[in-house]
């Protein structure tokens, strides 16, 4: 019976350590944070598989392709001169009127940390916020 209790404790510790490690993706963040990395390139997300969602940024235009590339949202980035890790997004075009996003909608993104080709950012709109991790693939 003692061995069974020990095994249960070990299993719980392994599960706890694994879930904590997933939350702390940035174990050795870049110093200083490489905020300009978001200004150009192709990115994938930690939330969706790359076959479902990708984002490209070129000349301040951010294009998000989703639903296997069948739908898109086109957005312009406006960077904050006082804080290069913060930028405003304004929706220019949306190919899916059912997704709740409309041209003219505003978002504010703040880059929290970078590590290698990873970017952790907080995206806020109206009263909602989400933390995302993007990986630069090109």
N, C-alpha and C. Protein backbone atom coordinates (compact mmCIF):
# COMPACT_ATOMS: atom_id res chain seq x y z
N UNK A 1 0.83 -1.19 0.00
CA UNK A 1 0.00 0.00 0.00
C UNK A 1 0.87 1.25 0.00
N UNK A 2 1.98 1.20 0.69
CA UNK A 2 2.91 2.32 0.76
C UNK A 2 3.47 2.65 -0.62
N UNK A 3 3.76 1.61 -1.40
CA UNK A 3 4.28 1.82 -2.75
C UNK A 3 3.23 2.46 -3.65
N UNK A 4 1.98 2.10 -3.46
CA UNK A 4 0.90 2.68 -4.24
C UNK A 4 0.76 4.18 -3.96
N UNK A 5 0.87 4.57 -2.69
CA UNK A 5 0.81 6.00 -2.34
C UNK A 5 1.99 6.75 -2.95
N UNK A 6 3.17 6.16 -2.89
CA UNK A 6 4.36 6.78 -3.47
C UNK A 6 4.21 6.95 -4.97
N UNK A 7 3.68 5.94 -5.64
CA UNK A 7 3.48 6.01 -7.08
C UNK A 7 2.49 7.12 -7.44
N UNK A 8 1.41 7.23 -6.68
CA UNK A 8 0.42 8.29 -6.93
C UNK A 8 1.04 9.67 -6.76
N UNK A 9 1.86 9.84 -5.75
CA UNK A 9 2.52 11.13 -5.51
C UNK A 9 3.46 11.46 -6.66
N UNK A 10 4.22 10.48 -7.13
CA UNK A 10 5.15 10.70 -8.24
C UNK A 10 4.38 11.07 -9.51
N UNK A 11 3.30 10.37 -9.80
CA UNK A 11 2.49 10.68 -10.98
C UNK A 11 1.93 12.10 -10.89
N UNK A 12 1.41 12.49 -9.74
CA UNK A 12 0.89 13.85 -9.57
C UNK A 12 1.98 14.90 -9.76
N UNK A 13 3.17 14.63 -9.24
CA UNK A 13 4.29 15.57 -9.41
C UNK A 13 4.68 15.70 -10.88
N UNK A 14 4.73 14.59 -11.60
CA UNK A 14 5.08 14.63 -13.02
C UNK A 14 4.05 15.42 -13.80
N UNK A 15 2.77 15.19 -13.53
CA UNK A 15 1.70 15.93 -14.22
C UNK A 15 1.81 17.41 -13.89
N UNK A 16 2.04 17.76 -12.63
CA UNK A 16 2.15 19.17 -12.24
C UNK A 16 3.34 19.84 -12.92
N UNK A 17 4.49 19.18 -12.91
CA UNK A 17 5.70 19.76 -13.52
C UNK A 17 5.50 19.93 -15.02
N UNK A 18 4.87 18.95 -15.69
CA UNK A 18 4.64 19.05 -17.12
C UNK A 18 3.71 20.21 -17.45
N UNK A 19 2.62 20.38 -16.71
CA UNK A 19 1.69 21.48 -17.00
C UNK A 19 2.33 22.82 -16.69
N UNK A 20 3.12 22.91 -15.65
CA UNK A 20 3.83 24.15 -15.33
C UNK A 20 4.84 24.49 -16.41
N UNK A 21 5.54 23.50 -16.93
CA UNK A 21 6.54 23.74 -17.97
C UNK A 21 5.88 24.27 -19.24
N UNK A 22 4.67 23.80 -19.57
CA UNK A 22 3.99 24.29 -20.76
C UNK A 22 3.60 25.75 -20.59
N UNK A 23 3.25 26.17 -19.38
CA UNK A 23 2.89 27.56 -19.13
C UNK A 23 4.10 28.48 -19.21
N UNK A 24 5.28 27.96 -18.91
CA UNK A 24 6.50 28.77 -18.88
C UNK A 24 7.37 28.44 -20.08
N UNK A 25 6.88 28.76 -21.27
CA UNK A 25 7.58 28.46 -22.50
C UNK A 25 8.88 29.23 -22.62
N UNK A 26 8.94 30.42 -22.07
CA UNK A 26 10.09 31.30 -22.21
C UNK A 26 10.99 31.17 -20.98
N UNK A 27 11.78 30.10 -20.96
CA UNK A 27 12.66 29.84 -19.82
C UNK A 27 13.95 30.65 -19.89
N UNK A 28 14.30 31.16 -21.07
CA UNK A 28 15.51 31.97 -21.24
C UNK A 28 15.22 33.10 -22.23
N UNK A 29 14.37 34.09 -21.85
CA UNK A 29 13.95 35.12 -22.81
C UNK A 29 15.11 36.00 -23.27
N UNK A 30 14.94 36.53 -24.49
CA UNK A 30 15.93 37.44 -25.05
C UNK A 30 15.98 38.72 -24.22
N UNK A 31 17.18 39.21 -24.01
CA UNK A 31 17.37 40.49 -23.33
C UNK A 31 18.33 41.31 -24.20
N UNK A 32 17.86 42.41 -24.79
CA UNK A 32 16.51 42.96 -24.73
C UNK A 32 15.55 42.16 -25.62
N UNK A 33 14.28 42.38 -25.40
CA UNK A 33 13.24 41.72 -26.18
C UNK A 33 13.35 42.18 -27.64
N UNK A 34 13.26 41.24 -28.58
CA UNK A 34 13.40 41.53 -30.01
C UNK A 34 12.04 41.84 -30.62
N UNK A 35 11.50 43.01 -30.29
CA UNK A 35 10.14 43.38 -30.68
C UNK A 35 10.00 43.60 -32.19
N UNK A 36 11.06 44.01 -32.86
CA UNK A 36 10.99 44.26 -34.30
C UNK A 36 10.78 42.98 -35.10
N UNK A 37 10.97 41.83 -34.47
CA UNK A 37 10.81 40.55 -35.16
C UNK A 37 9.40 40.39 -35.73
N UNK A 38 8.40 41.04 -35.14
CA UNK A 38 7.00 40.90 -35.58
C UNK A 38 6.70 41.74 -36.82
N UNK A 39 7.61 42.61 -37.22
CA UNK A 39 7.34 43.54 -38.31
C UNK A 39 7.41 42.92 -39.70
N UNK A 40 7.97 41.74 -39.83
CA UNK A 40 8.13 41.13 -41.15
C UNK A 40 8.29 39.62 -40.98
N UNK A 41 7.60 38.83 -41.80
CA UNK A 41 7.79 37.40 -41.77
C UNK A 41 6.49 36.60 -41.80
N UNK A 42 6.66 35.30 -41.62
CA UNK A 42 5.54 34.37 -41.57
C UNK A 42 5.55 33.71 -40.21
N UNK A 43 4.36 33.58 -39.61
CA UNK A 43 4.24 33.11 -38.24
C UNK A 43 3.15 32.05 -38.13
N UNK A 44 3.34 31.15 -37.17
CA UNK A 44 2.31 30.17 -36.80
C UNK A 44 2.01 30.39 -35.32
N UNK A 45 0.90 29.81 -34.86
CA UNK A 45 0.42 30.06 -33.50
C UNK A 45 0.49 28.81 -32.64
N UNK A 46 0.52 29.03 -31.33
CA UNK A 46 0.45 27.90 -30.40
C UNK A 46 -0.98 27.41 -30.20
N UNK A 47 -1.95 28.16 -30.68
CA UNK A 47 -3.35 27.82 -30.48
C UNK A 47 -3.91 26.95 -31.60
N UNK A 48 -3.51 27.24 -32.84
CA UNK A 48 -4.05 26.53 -33.99
C UNK A 48 -2.94 25.81 -34.74
N UNK A 49 -3.25 24.68 -35.40
CA UNK A 49 -2.24 24.04 -36.25
C UNK A 49 -1.95 24.92 -37.46
N UNK A 50 -0.74 24.82 -37.99
CA UNK A 50 -0.34 25.67 -39.12
C UNK A 50 -1.21 25.42 -40.36
N UNK A 51 -1.82 24.26 -40.46
CA UNK A 51 -2.72 24.01 -41.59
C UNK A 51 -4.02 24.81 -41.46
N UNK A 52 -4.33 25.28 -40.26
CA UNK A 52 -5.56 26.03 -40.01
C UNK A 52 -5.36 27.54 -39.91
N UNK A 53 -4.16 27.98 -39.49
CA UNK A 53 -3.93 29.42 -39.30
C UNK A 53 -2.47 29.76 -39.51
N UNK A 54 -2.20 30.75 -40.33
CA UNK A 54 -0.86 31.32 -40.47
C UNK A 54 -1.02 32.83 -40.62
N UNK A 55 0.05 33.53 -40.34
CA UNK A 55 0.04 34.98 -40.43
C UNK A 55 1.30 35.42 -41.15
N UNK A 56 1.14 36.32 -42.11
CA UNK A 56 2.29 36.93 -42.76
C UNK A 56 2.23 38.43 -42.52
N UNK A 57 3.40 39.02 -42.39
CA UNK A 57 3.50 40.47 -42.22
C UNK A 57 4.50 40.98 -43.24
N UNK A 58 4.06 41.98 -44.03
CA UNK A 58 4.92 42.59 -45.03
C UNK A 58 4.53 44.05 -45.17
N UNK A 59 5.50 44.93 -44.96
CA UNK A 59 5.29 46.38 -45.09
C UNK A 59 4.08 46.85 -44.28
N UNK A 60 4.05 46.48 -43.00
CA UNK A 60 3.02 46.88 -42.03
C UNK A 60 1.63 46.29 -42.30
N UNK A 61 1.50 45.40 -43.28
CA UNK A 61 0.22 44.74 -43.53
C UNK A 61 0.32 43.31 -42.99
N UNK A 62 -0.57 43.01 -42.09
CA UNK A 62 -0.63 41.69 -41.46
C UNK A 62 -1.81 40.95 -42.09
N UNK A 63 -1.54 39.79 -42.67
CA UNK A 63 -2.59 38.98 -43.28
C UNK A 63 -2.67 37.66 -42.53
N UNK A 64 -3.83 37.38 -41.99
CA UNK A 64 -4.06 36.13 -41.27
C UNK A 64 -4.92 35.23 -42.14
N UNK A 65 -4.38 34.07 -42.49
CA UNK A 65 -5.10 33.09 -43.28
C UNK A 65 -5.59 32.01 -42.34
N UNK A 66 -6.87 31.64 -42.47
CA UNK A 66 -7.40 30.59 -41.62
C UNK A 66 -8.39 29.74 -42.39
N UNK A 67 -8.87 28.71 -41.75
CA UNK A 67 -9.76 27.73 -42.37
C UNK A 67 -9.08 27.13 -43.60
N UNK A 68 -7.83 26.71 -43.39
CA UNK A 68 -7.07 26.09 -44.47
C UNK A 68 -6.73 27.04 -45.60
N UNK A 69 -6.68 28.35 -45.32
CA UNK A 69 -6.35 29.35 -46.33
C UNK A 69 -7.54 29.84 -47.12
N UNK A 70 -8.74 29.37 -46.80
CA UNK A 70 -9.95 29.77 -47.52
C UNK A 70 -10.44 31.15 -47.09
N UNK A 71 -10.11 31.57 -45.87
CA UNK A 71 -10.58 32.86 -45.34
C UNK A 71 -9.38 33.67 -44.86
N UNK A 72 -9.55 34.97 -44.79
CA UNK A 72 -8.45 35.83 -44.36
C UNK A 72 -8.97 37.08 -43.66
N UNK A 73 -8.06 37.68 -42.90
CA UNK A 73 -8.27 38.99 -42.31
C UNK A 73 -7.02 39.79 -42.65
N UNK A 74 -7.22 41.00 -43.19
CA UNK A 74 -6.10 41.88 -43.53
C UNK A 74 -6.10 43.04 -42.55
N UNK A 75 -4.95 43.30 -41.95
CA UNK A 75 -4.82 44.25 -40.85
C UNK A 75 -3.60 45.13 -41.09
N UNK A 76 -3.67 46.38 -40.66
CA UNK A 76 -2.49 47.25 -40.71
C UNK A 76 -1.92 47.40 -39.31
N UNK A 77 -0.61 47.37 -39.21
CA UNK A 77 0.08 47.55 -37.93
C UNK A 77 0.54 49.00 -37.79
N UNK A 78 0.31 49.59 -36.61
CA UNK A 78 0.81 50.93 -36.29
C UNK A 78 1.62 50.80 -35.01
N UNK A 79 2.94 50.99 -35.12
CA UNK A 79 3.80 50.82 -33.95
C UNK A 79 3.87 52.08 -33.12
N UNK A 80 3.99 51.90 -31.82
CA UNK A 80 4.08 52.98 -30.84
C UNK A 80 5.55 53.42 -30.77
N UNK A 81 5.83 54.66 -31.11
CA UNK A 81 7.22 55.14 -31.08
C UNK A 81 7.80 55.14 -29.67
N UNK A 82 6.95 55.40 -28.68
CA UNK A 82 7.42 55.45 -27.29
C UNK A 82 7.68 54.05 -26.72
N UNK A 83 6.98 53.04 -27.26
CA UNK A 83 7.13 51.67 -26.79
C UNK A 83 7.19 50.75 -28.00
N UNK A 84 8.38 50.39 -28.48
CA UNK A 84 8.49 49.57 -29.69
C UNK A 84 7.94 48.15 -29.54
N UNK A 85 7.57 47.77 -28.33
CA UNK A 85 6.99 46.43 -28.11
C UNK A 85 5.47 46.48 -28.08
N UNK A 86 4.90 47.63 -28.41
CA UNK A 86 3.44 47.75 -28.44
C UNK A 86 3.02 48.32 -29.78
N UNK A 87 1.97 47.73 -30.35
CA UNK A 87 1.47 48.23 -31.61
C UNK A 87 -0.03 48.05 -31.70
N UNK A 88 -0.65 48.94 -32.47
CA UNK A 88 -2.09 48.91 -32.67
C UNK A 88 -2.36 48.23 -34.00
N UNK A 89 -3.43 47.46 -34.05
CA UNK A 89 -3.87 46.79 -35.26
C UNK A 89 -5.24 47.34 -35.63
N UNK A 90 -5.42 47.65 -36.90
CA UNK A 90 -6.72 48.10 -37.40
C UNK A 90 -7.10 47.18 -38.55
N UNK A 91 -8.27 46.56 -38.44
CA UNK A 91 -8.74 45.63 -39.47
C UNK A 91 -9.10 46.41 -40.73
N UNK A 92 -8.50 46.00 -41.85
CA UNK A 92 -8.78 46.62 -43.14
C UNK A 92 -9.84 45.85 -43.92
N UNK A 93 -9.72 44.52 -43.89
CA UNK A 93 -10.60 43.68 -44.70
C UNK A 93 -10.79 42.35 -43.99
N UNK A 94 -12.00 41.83 -44.07
CA UNK A 94 -12.32 40.55 -43.45
C UNK A 94 -13.15 39.73 -44.42
N UNK A 95 -12.67 38.53 -44.75
CA UNK A 95 -13.36 37.68 -45.72
C UNK A 95 -14.43 36.79 -45.10
N UNK A 96 -14.67 36.93 -43.80
CA UNK A 96 -15.67 36.10 -43.14
C UNK A 96 -16.51 36.97 -42.21
N UNK A 97 -17.69 37.41 -42.66
CA UNK A 97 -18.51 38.29 -41.83
C UNK A 97 -19.05 37.63 -40.57
N UNK A 98 -18.93 36.31 -40.47
CA UNK A 98 -19.46 35.60 -39.31
C UNK A 98 -18.47 35.45 -38.16
N UNK A 99 -17.24 35.94 -38.31
CA UNK A 99 -16.24 35.72 -37.25
C UNK A 99 -16.23 36.81 -36.19
N UNK A 100 -17.08 37.81 -36.31
CA UNK A 100 -17.18 38.84 -35.28
C UNK A 100 -16.17 39.96 -35.41
N UNK A 101 -15.39 39.98 -36.48
CA UNK A 101 -14.42 41.05 -36.72
C UNK A 101 -14.91 41.85 -37.91
N UNK A 102 -14.77 43.17 -37.82
CA UNK A 102 -15.23 44.04 -38.90
C UNK A 102 -14.13 45.03 -39.27
N UNK A 103 -14.11 45.49 -40.52
CA UNK A 103 -13.17 46.55 -40.88
C UNK A 103 -13.33 47.74 -39.93
N UNK A 104 -12.21 48.27 -39.49
CA UNK A 104 -12.19 49.38 -38.54
C UNK A 104 -11.99 48.95 -37.11
N UNK A 105 -12.18 47.66 -36.80
CA UNK A 105 -11.94 47.18 -35.44
C UNK A 105 -10.47 47.40 -35.05
N UNK A 106 -10.27 47.74 -33.77
CA UNK A 106 -8.93 48.01 -33.25
C UNK A 106 -8.53 46.95 -32.23
N UNK A 107 -7.25 46.61 -32.25
CA UNK A 107 -6.63 45.73 -31.27
C UNK A 107 -5.33 46.37 -30.84
N UNK A 108 -4.90 46.10 -29.63
CA UNK A 108 -3.59 46.55 -29.17
C UNK A 108 -2.80 45.31 -28.77
N UNK A 109 -1.65 45.13 -29.39
CA UNK A 109 -0.78 44.01 -29.07
C UNK A 109 0.44 44.52 -28.33
N UNK A 110 0.81 43.80 -27.29
CA UNK A 110 2.03 44.11 -26.53
C UNK A 110 2.89 42.86 -26.50
N UNK A 111 4.11 42.98 -26.97
CA UNK A 111 5.04 41.86 -26.94
C UNK A 111 5.59 41.76 -25.53
N UNK A 112 5.35 40.61 -24.91
CA UNK A 112 5.77 40.38 -23.54
C UNK A 112 7.21 39.88 -23.49
N UNK A 113 7.53 38.95 -24.38
CA UNK A 113 8.87 38.36 -24.39
C UNK A 113 9.14 37.73 -25.74
N UNK A 114 10.42 37.57 -26.05
CA UNK A 114 10.84 36.81 -27.21
C UNK A 114 11.92 35.84 -26.75
N UNK A 115 12.02 34.75 -27.48
CA UNK A 115 13.09 33.78 -27.21
C UNK A 115 13.36 33.06 -28.52
N UNK A 116 14.51 33.36 -29.13
CA UNK A 116 14.82 32.76 -30.42
C UNK A 116 13.79 33.18 -31.45
N UNK A 117 13.07 32.20 -32.01
CA UNK A 117 12.06 32.49 -33.03
C UNK A 117 10.64 32.54 -32.45
N UNK A 118 10.51 32.62 -31.12
CA UNK A 118 9.21 32.67 -30.47
C UNK A 118 8.89 34.08 -29.97
N UNK A 119 7.62 34.44 -30.07
CA UNK A 119 7.14 35.74 -29.59
C UNK A 119 5.94 35.49 -28.69
N UNK A 120 6.00 35.96 -27.47
CA UNK A 120 4.84 35.89 -26.57
C UNK A 120 4.23 37.28 -26.54
N UNK A 121 2.94 37.37 -26.86
CA UNK A 121 2.30 38.68 -26.87
C UNK A 121 0.91 38.62 -26.27
N UNK A 122 0.49 39.78 -25.80
CA UNK A 122 -0.87 39.93 -25.29
C UNK A 122 -1.63 40.76 -26.30
N UNK A 123 -2.77 40.25 -26.74
CA UNK A 123 -3.61 40.95 -27.70
C UNK A 123 -4.90 41.35 -26.98
N UNK A 124 -5.23 42.65 -27.05
CA UNK A 124 -6.40 43.17 -26.35
C UNK A 124 -7.34 43.87 -27.33
N UNK A 125 -8.62 43.64 -27.13
CA UNK A 125 -9.66 44.29 -27.92
C UNK A 125 -10.84 44.56 -27.00
N UNK A 126 -11.28 45.79 -26.98
CA UNK A 126 -12.40 46.19 -26.12
C UNK A 126 -12.14 45.71 -24.70
N UNK A 127 -12.92 44.77 -24.21
CA UNK A 127 -12.73 44.30 -22.84
C UNK A 127 -12.14 42.90 -22.77
N UNK A 128 -11.59 42.41 -23.86
CA UNK A 128 -11.04 41.06 -23.91
C UNK A 128 -9.54 41.09 -24.15
N UNK A 129 -8.86 40.09 -23.61
CA UNK A 129 -7.43 39.96 -23.83
C UNK A 129 -7.04 38.49 -23.88
N UNK A 130 -6.03 38.20 -24.67
CA UNK A 130 -5.54 36.83 -24.78
C UNK A 130 -4.01 36.88 -24.93
N UNK A 131 -3.35 35.90 -24.36
CA UNK A 131 -1.91 35.78 -24.52
C UNK A 131 -1.64 34.69 -25.54
N UNK A 132 -0.85 35.03 -26.54
CA UNK A 132 -0.52 34.13 -27.64
C UNK A 132 0.98 33.90 -27.70
N UNK A 133 1.36 32.78 -28.27
CA UNK A 133 2.75 32.54 -28.61
C UNK A 133 2.80 32.28 -30.10
N UNK A 134 3.59 33.08 -30.79
CA UNK A 134 3.78 32.93 -32.23
C UNK A 134 5.19 32.43 -32.47
N UNK A 135 5.34 31.64 -33.51
CA UNK A 135 6.66 31.17 -33.93
C UNK A 135 6.93 31.70 -35.33
N UNK A 136 8.07 32.37 -35.48
CA UNK A 136 8.44 32.90 -36.80
C UNK A 136 9.06 31.76 -37.59
N UNK A 137 8.46 31.47 -38.74
CA UNK A 137 8.97 30.36 -39.54
C UNK A 137 9.69 30.83 -40.80
N UNK A 138 9.53 32.09 -41.18
CA UNK A 138 10.25 32.68 -42.33
C UNK A 138 10.58 34.12 -42.02
